[in-house]
Each structure stands twice: as C-alpha cells, then as structure tokens.
C-alpha cells in the first residue's frame, strides 16, 4: 500500500500543480470575445476554469463510486442522475454571475436543487414503481450537495484568491493525512472511533493536526514572501496555525463522513481506480468538507 502511495502520490501532486499553474496563467490571459460577458473577469479567462473542467471530468467517476455505495446499501440510483446532480451543483457555483447579490445567489442554488430533485423523481418514475422514490431523490440531492456544492465552494474560493492559496489549502489538508498516518503507525494506541474507522487513532489525529498547523504557518510565510495572493491575505503565523488545525480536523471529519457512507454499505474503499489510494472519493473526501471552512475563515480574516 505504501509503495503505491509513494508512486502515485507525487504524480497526482504534479498533476494538481500543473492544473493550478494553468489556471493562474489563464487568469492573466485575455479571453476571446465568444466567452460570455457575465463569466469573463475584466476581459481575462474566468479564474478556476481548469479546476472546473477537472471537476466535470471527475464527476462521472466519483458518481460511479457513489452509485456502488448506494446500491450496496439497497438504494436505487442511476449514474446519470447522480452525475447530473454533481455537475448541477458545481455549475450553479461556478457559473453564477459575478457580482450577484445574496438573494440572487440563493435563488440560483435553490433552483438547481429543485431541478435535481425533479430529475431524480422523474428518472425513478420511469420504472412505474413508487417504492424507493424517496431514497432515489435523496441520493440525487446527496450528489448535488456532497460532490456538487462542496466542490463548487472550492471554485468560489478560487474566485476570491489566487490558485496558489487554493494549493495551500489542499496541501494543508493532505498534510494532516500524512502526519496522522505516520504518527499512528509509530505510536498509535487508542482508537479514535473503532466502530467507524478502526485504523484511526487519537495519537495519529494529534500528529496530523500538529503537522497541518505547521504547514499552515509555512504557507502564511510563503504567501508573505512571494505575495502569491496579491496582498489580499494577511494572516499572522498564529492565524495560519489555527487555519491549519481547523482544516486538519475538518478534513478528518470529511474522511469519517465518507467512511460512514461506506460502512453503511458494507464496503471498505469507494473504488480501485487509484492504486494505494482506493477510488476518487477516497482521495477527495477530506477536501470536500474542508472547502466551506477554508472559504469562510479566509473571508472573515
């Protein structure tokens, strides 16, 4: 397992850096006239476009895994409905007109949710069997919120900050996983939640939070040295450490949330597409729940 993680982990990191570098470059490149005016940002390509496209590419894979979880739990849901829900959530966030006021934003999200609910019920009704309609509708809305809106918050975070700030958030979150893994292997004794995730320990959690807090301080220092966010983010080292700890704890909560869904279905990993890591959901589960916490922490400070 460790061998595969050391092999594929760096490749995924390089791919992520490449996407974010392209995103940052496009953010300063002139957009052609065919790009809708409400999407363009001061005449340049909209920030987050490569990330949005990656999200669209990952949505079918993640929804395939989510469908398998639902099926194992006895819930009937089609891959197409789940994918539609996930893409609707991402699109509602990313394609929201810049400068929209709060009521407009709430109306757009509500309309997208209603559309996903309607599509889920219509697709289920094609079988002409009323049993399972509630579960099918709930599955569609879970995909809408869990894979759609939460990923969409990452895109909203990118709207307000540089791609390198987003990279910092992702690195801080994943550093907790690394710290927890090695600390748990070395000194882990007391199980965190045995009935849910028997591999996690309290010692591992402490080690992961400590490493993430340190990476948070380092990220703040790098931002101050490079001005990567254009002077928008002015966190102190203490605030960087608090951010790191918050993202670490939230990321672990996100991982446990996915574990809860998988335990309910009686499976260990969401998929096998990524050797050493499992499925797409196994890689992004911690990031999804972190997105709103990172967004509001940076917004407040």
Protein backbone atom coordinates (compact mmCIF):
# COMPACT_ATOMS: atom_id res chain seq x y z
CA UNK A 1 0.00 0.00 0.00
CA UNK A 2 2.76 2.45 0.97
CA UNK A 3 4.70 1.58 -2.19
CA UNK A 4 1.76 2.52 -4.41
CA UNK A 5 1.11 5.70 -2.45
CA UNK A 6 4.72 6.80 -2.83
CA UNK A 7 4.48 6.01 -6.54
CA UNK A 8 1.16 7.63 -7.48
CA UNK A 9 1.09 10.36 -4.80
CA UNK A 10 3.82 12.52 -6.39
CA UNK A 11 2.22 12.07 -9.82
CA UNK A 12 -1.10 13.38 -8.53
CA UNK A 13 0.66 16.30 -6.84
CA UNK A 14 2.47 17.21 -10.07
CA UNK A 15 -0.81 17.00 -11.97
CA UNK A 16 -2.51 19.25 -9.42
CA UNK A 17 0.30 21.83 -9.60
CA UNK A 18 0.09 21.75 -13.40
CA UNK A 19 -3.67 22.43 -13.35
CA UNK A 20 -3.29 25.28 -10.87
CA UNK A 21 -0.37 26.80 -12.81
CA UNK A 22 -2.50 26.74 -15.98
CA UNK A 23 -5.37 28.28 -14.04
CA UNK A 24 -3.18 31.10 -12.75
CA UNK A 25 -1.77 31.73 -16.25
CA UNK A 26 -5.22 31.86 -17.86
CA UNK A 27 -6.36 34.24 -15.16
CA UNK A 28 -3.96 36.82 -16.65
CA UNK A 29 -4.57 35.95 -20.31
CA UNK A 30 -7.07 37.80 -22.50
CA UNK A 31 -10.27 35.83 -23.14
CA UNK A 32 -11.75 35.66 -26.65
CA UNK A 33 -14.98 37.50 -27.35
CA UNK A 34 -17.07 34.35 -27.54
CA UNK A 35 -16.69 33.86 -23.76
CA UNK A 36 -19.92 35.24 -22.19
CA UNK A 37 -19.51 38.65 -20.60
CA UNK A 38 -21.02 37.55 -17.29
CA UNK A 39 -18.30 34.88 -16.96
CA UNK A 40 -15.29 36.92 -18.05
CA UNK A 41 -13.29 38.64 -15.32
CA UNK A 42 -12.07 42.04 -16.52
CA UNK A 43 -11.51 40.68 -20.03
CA UNK A 44 -9.47 37.64 -18.94
CA UNK A 45 -10.37 33.99 -18.71
CA UNK A 46 -12.50 33.27 -15.64
CA UNK A 47 -10.49 32.11 -12.60
CA UNK A 48 -10.88 28.44 -11.84
CA UNK A 49 -11.71 27.29 -15.37
CA UNK A 50 -9.20 24.37 -15.46
CA UNK A 51 -10.32 23.33 -11.97
CA UNK A 52 -13.94 23.39 -13.11
CA UNK A 53 -13.09 21.23 -16.12
CA UNK A 54 -11.24 18.75 -13.90
CA UNK A 55 -14.31 18.65 -11.66
CA UNK A 56 -16.52 17.88 -14.65
CA UNK A 57 -14.15 15.07 -15.67
CA UNK A 58 -14.03 13.57 -12.17
CA UNK A 59 -17.79 13.82 -11.56
CA UNK A 60 -18.75 10.68 -13.58
CA UNK A 61 -16.01 8.64 -11.87
CA UNK A 62 -16.98 9.82 -8.39
CA UNK A 63 -20.67 9.25 -9.12
CA UNK A 64 -19.95 5.73 -10.36
CA UNK A 65 -18.40 5.02 -6.96
CA UNK A 66 -21.26 6.76 -5.16
CA UNK A 67 -23.74 4.67 -7.11
CA UNK A 68 -21.95 1.50 -5.98
CA UNK A 69 -22.20 2.66 -2.36
CA UNK A 70 -25.91 3.38 -2.71
CA UNK A 71 -26.54 0.08 -4.47
CA UNK A 72 -24.74 -1.85 -1.70
CA UNK A 73 -26.93 0.00 0.81
CA UNK A 74 -30.08 -1.01 -1.08
CA UNK A 75 -30.73 2.39 -2.65
CA UNK A 76 -31.62 2.56 -6.33
CA UNK A 77 -29.94 5.48 -8.12
CA UNK A 78 -28.67 5.80 -11.67
CA UNK A 79 -25.18 7.01 -12.51
CA UNK A 80 -26.68 9.58 -14.89
CA UNK A 81 -28.89 11.11 -12.19
CA UNK A 82 -26.04 11.30 -9.69
CA UNK A 83 -23.71 12.82 -12.29
CA UNK A 84 -26.36 15.35 -13.24
CA UNK A 85 -26.74 16.32 -9.60
CA UNK A 86 -22.99 16.72 -9.07
CA UNK A 87 -22.50 18.78 -12.23
CA UNK A 88 -25.54 20.92 -11.41
CA UNK A 89 -24.06 21.78 -8.01
CA UNK A 90 -20.64 22.67 -9.46
CA UNK A 91 -22.15 24.70 -12.27
CA UNK A 92 -24.53 26.61 -10.00
CA UNK A 93 -21.49 27.86 -8.06
CA UNK A 94 -19.04 28.39 -10.90
CA UNK A 95 -21.39 29.90 -13.49
CA UNK A 96 -23.07 32.24 -11.02
CA UNK A 97 -22.76 35.77 -12.47
CA UNK A 98 -20.01 37.80 -10.85
CA UNK A 99 -21.34 40.44 -8.50
CA UNK A 100 -24.60 38.60 -7.81
CA UNK A 101 -26.31 39.68 -4.60
CA UNK A 102 -27.24 37.23 -1.84
CA UNK A 103 -30.92 36.72 -2.88
CA UNK A 104 -29.87 36.01 -6.48
CA UNK A 105 -27.25 33.52 -5.36
CA UNK A 106 -29.72 31.77 -3.05
CA UNK A 107 -32.31 31.65 -5.84
CA UNK A 108 -29.81 30.08 -8.27
CA UNK A 109 -28.78 27.38 -5.79
CA UNK A 110 -32.42 26.70 -4.85
CA UNK A 111 -33.46 26.40 -8.49
CA UNK A 112 -30.62 23.98 -9.17
CA UNK A 113 -31.60 21.87 -6.14
CA UNK A 114 -35.24 21.79 -7.26
CA UNK A 115 -34.17 20.72 -10.74
CA UNK A 116 -32.05 17.87 -9.36
CA UNK A 117 -34.95 16.76 -7.14
CA UNK A 118 -37.35 16.78 -10.09
CA UNK A 119 -34.97 14.89 -12.38
CA UNK A 120 -34.31 12.26 -9.69
CA UNK A 121 -38.04 11.65 -9.21
CA UNK A 122 -38.78 11.57 -12.95
CA UNK A 123 -35.98 9.09 -13.67
CA UNK A 124 -37.15 6.84 -10.84
CA UNK A 125 -40.78 7.07 -12.01
CA UNK A 126 -39.87 5.56 -15.36
CA UNK A 127 -39.86 2.17 -13.62
CA UNK A 128 -43.51 2.75 -12.62
CA UNK A 129 -42.73 1.55 -9.10
CA UNK A 130 -43.33 4.07 -6.28
CA UNK A 131 -41.19 2.18 -3.77
CA UNK A 132 -37.77 3.74 -3.39
CA UNK A 133 -38.72 7.16 -4.75
CA UNK A 134 -37.72 8.94 -1.53
CA UNK A 135 -34.35 7.17 -1.42
CA UNK A 136 -33.68 7.89 -5.10
CA UNK A 137 -34.48 11.59 -4.61
CA UNK A 138 -32.26 11.70 -1.54
CA UNK A 139 -29.41 10.07 -3.46
CA UNK A 140 -29.64 12.72 -6.18
CA UNK A 141 -29.58 15.51 -3.61
CA UNK A 142 -26.61 13.95 -1.80
CA UNK A 143 -24.68 14.03 -5.08
CA UNK A 144 -25.81 17.63 -5.61
CA UNK A 145 -24.59 18.78 -2.18
CA UNK A 146 -21.70 16.42 -1.46
CA UNK A 147 -19.99 16.30 -4.85
CA UNK A 148 -21.51 19.41 -6.43
CA UNK A 149 -21.88 22.28 -3.99
CA UNK A 150 -18.90 21.39 -1.81
CA UNK A 151 -16.62 21.19 -4.85
CA UNK A 152 -18.26 24.39 -6.04
CA UNK A 153 -17.14 26.16 -2.87
CA UNK A 154 -13.55 25.42 -3.90
CA UNK A 155 -14.31 27.27 -7.13
CA UNK A 156 -15.77 30.19 -5.16
CA UNK A 157 -12.60 30.23 -3.05
CA UNK A 158 -10.60 30.43 -6.27
CA UNK A 159 -12.69 33.42 -7.39
CA UNK A 160 -11.52 35.44 -4.39
CA UNK A 161 -7.95 34.18 -4.05
CA UNK A 162 -5.10 33.03 -6.28
CA UNK A 163 -4.68 29.44 -7.38
CA UNK A 164 -1.69 29.18 -5.03
CA UNK A 165 -3.87 29.90 -2.00
CA UNK A 166 -6.11 27.03 -3.11
CA UNK A 167 -3.00 24.86 -3.42
CA UNK A 168 -2.06 25.83 0.13
CA UNK A 169 -5.48 24.77 1.42
CA UNK A 170 -5.19 21.40 -0.33
CA UNK A 171 -1.62 20.80 0.87
CA UNK A 172 -2.53 21.69 4.46
CA UNK A 173 -5.48 19.30 4.37
CA UNK A 174 -3.49 16.40 2.93
CA UNK A 175 -0.54 17.04 5.25
CA UNK A 176 -2.83 16.02 8.10
CA UNK A 177 -3.42 12.67 6.41
CA UNK A 178 0.34 12.18 6.12
CA UNK A 179 1.04 13.20 9.71
CA UNK A 180 -1.80 11.06 11.05
CA UNK A 181 -0.69 8.02 9.05
CA UNK A 182 2.93 8.01 10.17
CA UNK A 183 2.21 9.09 13.76
CA UNK A 184 -0.48 6.44 14.06
CA UNK A 185 1.88 3.78 12.70
CA UNK A 186 4.62 4.83 15.12
CA UNK A 187 2.85 5.47 18.42
CA UNK A 188 -0.88 4.97 17.77
CA UNK A 189 -2.56 3.04 20.59
CA UNK A 190 -6.01 4.43 21.40
CA UNK A 191 -8.59 4.00 18.66
CA UNK A 192 -10.39 7.16 17.58
CA UNK A 193 -13.76 5.66 16.55
CA UNK A 194 -13.35 1.86 16.44
CA UNK A 195 -16.81 1.12 15.04
CA UNK A 196 -16.39 3.57 12.17
CA UNK A 197 -12.70 3.75 11.26
CA UNK A 198 -10.64 1.21 13.24
CA UNK A 199 -7.39 2.33 11.63
CA UNK A 200 -7.51 5.87 13.05
CA UNK A 201 -6.05 6.66 16.48
CA UNK A 202 -6.09 9.67 18.78
CA UNK A 203 -2.30 9.83 18.60
CA UNK A 204 -2.48 9.88 14.83
CA UNK A 205 -5.05 12.67 14.90
CA UNK A 206 -2.83 14.78 17.18
CA UNK A 207 0.17 14.19 14.94
CA UNK A 208 -1.82 15.09 11.83
CA UNK A 209 -3.21 18.29 13.36
CA UNK A 210 0.25 19.32 14.56
CA UNK A 211 1.79 18.81 11.11
CA UNK A 212 -1.08 20.66 9.41
CA UNK A 213 -0.70 23.57 11.83
CA UNK A 214 3.00 23.76 11.00
CA UNK A 215 2.26 23.64 7.27
CA UNK A 216 -0.30 26.42 7.83
CA UNK A 217 2.40 28.63 9.36
CA UNK A 218 4.73 27.80 6.46
CA UNK A 219 2.01 28.61 3.92
CA UNK A 220 1.41 32.03 5.50
CA UNK A 221 5.14 32.75 5.49
CA UNK A 222 5.44 31.77 1.81
CA UNK A 223 2.49 33.95 0.89
CA UNK A 224 4.06 36.94 2.65
CA UNK A 225 7.40 36.33 0.94
CA UNK A 226 6.01 35.85 -2.57
CA UNK A 227 2.82 37.94 -2.49
CA UNK A 228 1.12 34.99 -4.21
CA UNK A 229 -2.34 36.30 -3.31
CA UNK A 230 -1.72 39.87 -4.40
CA UNK A 231 -1.68 41.15 -0.84
CA UNK A 232 -5.27 40.06 -0.16
CA UNK A 233 -4.45 37.51 2.53
CA UNK A 234 -2.73 38.99 5.57
CA UNK A 235 -2.81 36.19 8.12
CA UNK A 236 -0.38 36.14 11.04
CA UNK A 237 1.60 32.98 11.81
CA UNK A 238 -0.78 32.23 14.70
CA UNK A 239 -3.78 32.59 12.40
CA UNK A 240 -2.02 30.32 9.89
CA UNK A 241 -1.55 27.68 12.60
CA UNK A 242 -5.22 27.96 13.59
CA UNK A 243 -6.23 27.62 9.95
CA UNK A 244 -4.04 24.53 9.61
CA UNK A 245 -5.57 22.93 12.72
CA UNK A 246 -9.12 23.73 11.59
CA UNK A 247 -8.58 22.30 8.12
CA UNK A 248 -6.95 19.20 9.61
CA UNK A 249 -9.85 18.49 11.97
CA UNK A 250 -12.43 19.23 9.27
CA UNK A 251 -10.56 17.07 6.78
CA UNK A 252 -10.60 14.15 9.21
CA UNK A 253 -14.33 14.74 9.71
CA UNK A 254 -14.75 14.60 5.93
CA UNK A 255 -12.87 11.32 5.81
CA UNK A 256 -15.07 9.91 8.58
CA UNK A 257 -18.18 11.10 6.73
CA UNK A 258 -17.18 9.05 3.70
CA UNK A 259 -16.36 6.12 5.99
CA UNK A 260 -19.87 6.35 7.44
CA UNK A 261 -21.39 6.03 3.98
CA UNK A 262 -19.12 3.11 3.09
CA UNK A 263 -19.71 1.31 6.40
CA UNK A 264 -23.44 1.65 5.87
CA UNK A 265 -22.96 -0.07 2.51
CA UNK A 266 -20.58 -2.66 3.95
CA UNK A 267 -17.57 -1.74 1.78
CA UNK A 268 -14.06 -0.55 2.67
CA UNK A 269 -12.95 1.52 -0.32
CA UNK A 270 -15.13 3.50 -2.71
CA UNK A 271 -13.17 2.17 -5.71
CA UNK A 272 -9.89 0.82 -7.05
CA UNK A 273 -9.07 3.26 -9.83
CA UNK A 274 -6.13 4.76 -7.90
CA UNK A 275 -3.75 2.05 -6.60
CA UNK A 276 -2.79 2.66 -3.00
CA UNK A 277 -5.50 5.26 -2.52
CA UNK A 278 -8.72 3.48 -3.49
CA UNK A 279 -11.22 5.46 -5.52
CA UNK A 280 -11.76 9.10 -6.42
CA UNK A 281 -13.98 9.58 -3.37
CA UNK A 282 -11.23 8.20 -1.12
CA UNK A 283 -8.91 10.98 -2.36
CA UNK A 284 -11.30 13.94 -2.28
CA UNK A 285 -13.49 13.11 0.74
CA UNK A 286 -11.43 15.22 3.17
CA UNK A 287 -11.12 18.12 0.71
CA UNK A 288 -14.86 18.45 0.12
CA UNK A 289 -15.77 19.19 3.73
CA UNK A 290 -12.75 21.49 4.13
CA UNK A 291 -13.87 23.80 1.30
CA UNK A 292 -16.53 25.85 3.19
CA UNK A 293 -14.36 26.08 6.32
CA UNK A 294 -11.40 27.45 4.33
CA UNK A 295 -13.65 29.82 2.40
CA UNK A 296 -15.26 31.39 5.46
CA UNK A 297 -12.08 31.50 7.53
CA UNK A 298 -10.25 33.45 4.83
CA UNK A 299 -13.36 35.57 4.20
CA UNK A 300 -13.63 36.55 7.86
CA UNK A 301 -9.95 37.26 8.40
